[in-house]
Each structure stands twice: as C-alpha cells, then as structure tokens.
Amino acid sequence: MADLLVRDIEPAVVEKLRRRAAAQGISMEEAHRQLLRSALVGNQAGPQEDFLAYLRSIPKGGAIQFPRAKDGPRPNEF
C-alpha cells in the first residue's frame, strides 16, 4: 500500500478529525483513511459494518427498564 502525507491542514480541520476519531474509538489515521475512502470510492463497509456500528451505539448495562404502574390498567376514554 502507498503512503500519503498531507501538509498544511488547518488546525480546525485537524481538531475535528481528532474528535471524530476519538468518538469512533479509532486512530486519526484510520479516520482519515475512512474519509478518503468514503469520498473517493463510496461506502464499502456494507450492511454488516452498518449493523455493527448500530450495535456499538447501544448503551452498555443491559436492557432499558421502563417504570410500570402497579395499580392496573386505566380505563380508556375515546
């Protein structure tokens, strides 16, 4: 594979890339590769990667619990 060196990038762009990489839990270099791939070749991750990204976005700690009323059902009024 080839190496690519990009010079004279604005500090705001570098900071945004750094934050994006940190949010995804990847290196800045990998974030840069993904951006270039996406812009030039399209999304090659496919449905499986999208599904994995969705699963990773689910909060840890088990199922979400919703409080339930203990006094039984309420009458419906239409």
C-alpha atoms as a PDB file:
ATOM      1  CA  MET A   1       0.000   0.000   0.000  1.00  0.00           C
ATOM      2  CA  ALA A   2       1.068   3.549  -0.647  1.00  0.00           C
ATOM      3  CA  ASP A   3       1.751   6.225   1.954  1.00  0.00           C
ATOM      4  CA  LEU A   4       0.145   9.638   1.741  1.00  0.00           C
ATOM      5  CA  LEU A   5       1.402  12.732   3.533  1.00  0.00           C
ATOM      6  CA  VAL A   6      -0.912  15.733   3.681  1.00  0.00           C
ATOM      7  CA  ARG A   7       0.605  19.067   4.681  1.00  0.00           C
ATOM      8  CA  ASP A   8      -0.763  22.476   5.669  1.00  0.00           C
ATOM      9  CA  ILE A   9      -4.094  21.342   7.072  1.00  0.00           C
ATOM     10  CA  GLU A  10      -5.969  23.991   9.045  1.00  0.00           C
ATOM     11  CA  PRO A  11      -5.888  23.401  12.817  1.00  0.00           C
ATOM     12  CA  ALA A  12      -9.703  23.417  12.981  1.00  0.00           C
ATOM     13  CA  VAL A  13      -9.844  20.571  10.445  1.00  0.00           C
ATOM     14  CA  VAL A  14      -7.250  18.563  12.355  1.00  0.00           C
ATOM     15  CA  GLU A  15      -9.151  19.079  15.618  1.00  0.00           C
ATOM     16  CA  LYS A  16     -12.424  17.987  14.022  1.00  0.00           C
ATOM     17  CA  LEU A  17     -10.732  14.858  12.644  1.00  0.00           C
ATOM     18  CA  ARG A  18      -9.229  14.146  16.075  1.00  0.00           C
ATOM     19  CA  ARG A  19     -12.634  14.443  17.769  1.00  0.00           C
ATOM     20  CA  ARG A  20     -14.309  12.311  15.118  1.00  0.00           C
ATOM     21  CA  ALA A  21     -11.677   9.584  15.529  1.00  0.00           C
ATOM     22  CA  ALA A  22     -11.959   9.679  19.320  1.00  0.00           C
ATOM     23  CA  ALA A  23     -15.748   9.397  19.147  1.00  0.00           C
ATOM     24  CA  GLN A  24     -15.415   6.316  16.931  1.00  0.00           C
ATOM     25  CA  GLY A  25     -12.611   4.838  19.036  1.00  0.00           C
ATOM     26  CA  ILE A  26     -10.173   4.766  16.112  1.00  0.00           C
ATOM     27  CA  SER A  27      -6.914   6.483  15.287  1.00  0.00           C
ATOM     28  CA  MET A  28      -6.785   9.757  13.377  1.00  0.00           C
ATOM     29  CA  GLU A  29      -5.006   7.896  10.599  1.00  0.00           C
ATOM     30  CA  GLU A  30      -7.863   5.385  10.287  1.00  0.00           C
ATOM     31  CA  ALA A  31     -10.437   8.199  10.389  1.00  0.00           C
ATOM     32  CA  HIS A  32      -8.529   9.910   7.570  1.00  0.00           C
ATOM     33  CA  ARG A  33      -8.487   6.670   5.544  1.00  0.00           C
ATOM     34  CA  GLN A  34     -12.240   6.218   6.043  1.00  0.00           C
ATOM     35  CA  LEU A  35     -12.960   9.783   4.942  1.00  0.00           C
ATOM     36  CA  LEU A  36     -10.862   9.425   1.802  1.00  0.00           C
ATOM     37  CA  ARG A  37     -12.395   6.033   1.000  1.00  0.00           C
ATOM     38  CA  SER A  38     -15.905   7.352   1.502  1.00  0.00           C
ATOM     39  CA  ALA A  39     -15.318  10.470  -0.621  1.00  0.00           C
ATOM     40  CA  LEU A  40     -13.497   8.759  -3.477  1.00  0.00           C
ATOM     41  CA  VAL A  41     -14.749   5.184  -3.637  1.00  0.00           C
ATOM     42  CA  GLY A  42     -18.011   5.237  -1.700  1.00  0.00           C
ATOM     43  CA  ASN A  43     -19.030   3.295   1.360  1.00  0.00           C
ATOM     44  CA  GLN A  44     -17.528  -0.168   1.034  1.00  0.00           C
ATOM     45  CA  ALA A  45     -18.276  -1.123   4.616  1.00  0.00           C
ATOM     46  CA  GLY A  46     -21.542  -2.732   3.590  1.00  0.00           C
ATOM     47  CA  PRO A  47     -24.597  -3.621   5.661  1.00  0.00           C
ATOM     48  CA  GLN A  48     -22.659  -5.748   8.134  1.00  0.00           C
ATOM     49  CA  GLU A  49     -20.461  -2.835   9.223  1.00  0.00           C
ATOM     50  CA  ASP A  50     -23.520  -0.588   9.482  1.00  0.00           C
ATOM     51  CA  PHE A  51     -25.172  -3.181  11.715  1.00  0.00           C
ATOM     52  CA  LEU A  52     -22.052  -3.500  13.857  1.00  0.00           C
ATOM     53  CA  ALA A  53     -21.923   0.289  14.210  1.00  0.00           C
ATOM     54  CA  TYR A  54     -25.566   0.222  15.321  1.00  0.00           C
ATOM     55  CA  LEU A  55     -24.833  -2.478  17.907  1.00  0.00           C
ATOM     56  CA  ARG A  56     -21.852  -0.495  19.219  1.00  0.00           C
ATOM     57  CA  SER A  57     -24.099   2.536  19.672  1.00  0.00           C
ATOM     58  CA  ILE A  58     -26.388   0.701  22.138  1.00  0.00           C
ATOM     59  CA  PRO A  59     -25.639   1.818  25.714  1.00  0.00           C
ATOM     60  CA  LYS A  60     -23.917  -0.730  27.921  1.00  0.00           C
ATOM     61  CA  GLY A  61     -25.584  -2.027  31.050  1.00  0.00           C
ATOM     62  CA  GLY A  62     -28.326  -4.288  29.780  1.00  0.00           C
ATOM     63  CA  ALA A  63     -31.884  -3.673  28.806  1.00  0.00           C
ATOM     64  CA  ILE A  64     -33.556  -0.359  29.364  1.00  0.00           C
ATOM     65  CA  GLN A  65     -36.116  -0.557  32.146  1.00  0.00           C
ATOM     66  CA  PHE A  66     -39.329   1.436  31.989  1.00  0.00           C
ATOM     67  CA  PRO A  67     -41.274   2.051  35.193  1.00  0.00           C
ATOM     68  CA  ARG A  68     -44.711   0.426  35.205  1.00  0.00           C
ATOM     69  CA  ALA A  69     -47.726   1.453  37.203  1.00  0.00           C
ATOM     70  CA  LYS A  70     -48.659  -1.075  39.873  1.00  0.00           C
ATOM     71  CA  ASP A  71     -52.313  -0.084  40.098  1.00  0.00           C
ATOM     72  CA  GLY A  72     -53.512  -1.940  36.970  1.00  0.00           C
ATOM     73  CA  PRO A  73     -54.886  -0.672  33.682  1.00  0.00           C
ATOM     74  CA  ARG A  74     -56.620   2.674  33.369  1.00  0.00           C
ATOM     75  CA  PRO A  75     -59.971   2.988  31.605  1.00  0.00           C
ATOM     76  CA  ASN A  76     -59.801   4.303  28.055  1.00  0.00           C
ATOM     77  CA  GLU A  77     -61.871   7.281  27.028  1.00  0.00           C
ATOM     78  CA  PHE A  78     -62.483   7.849  23.342  1.00  0.00           C
END
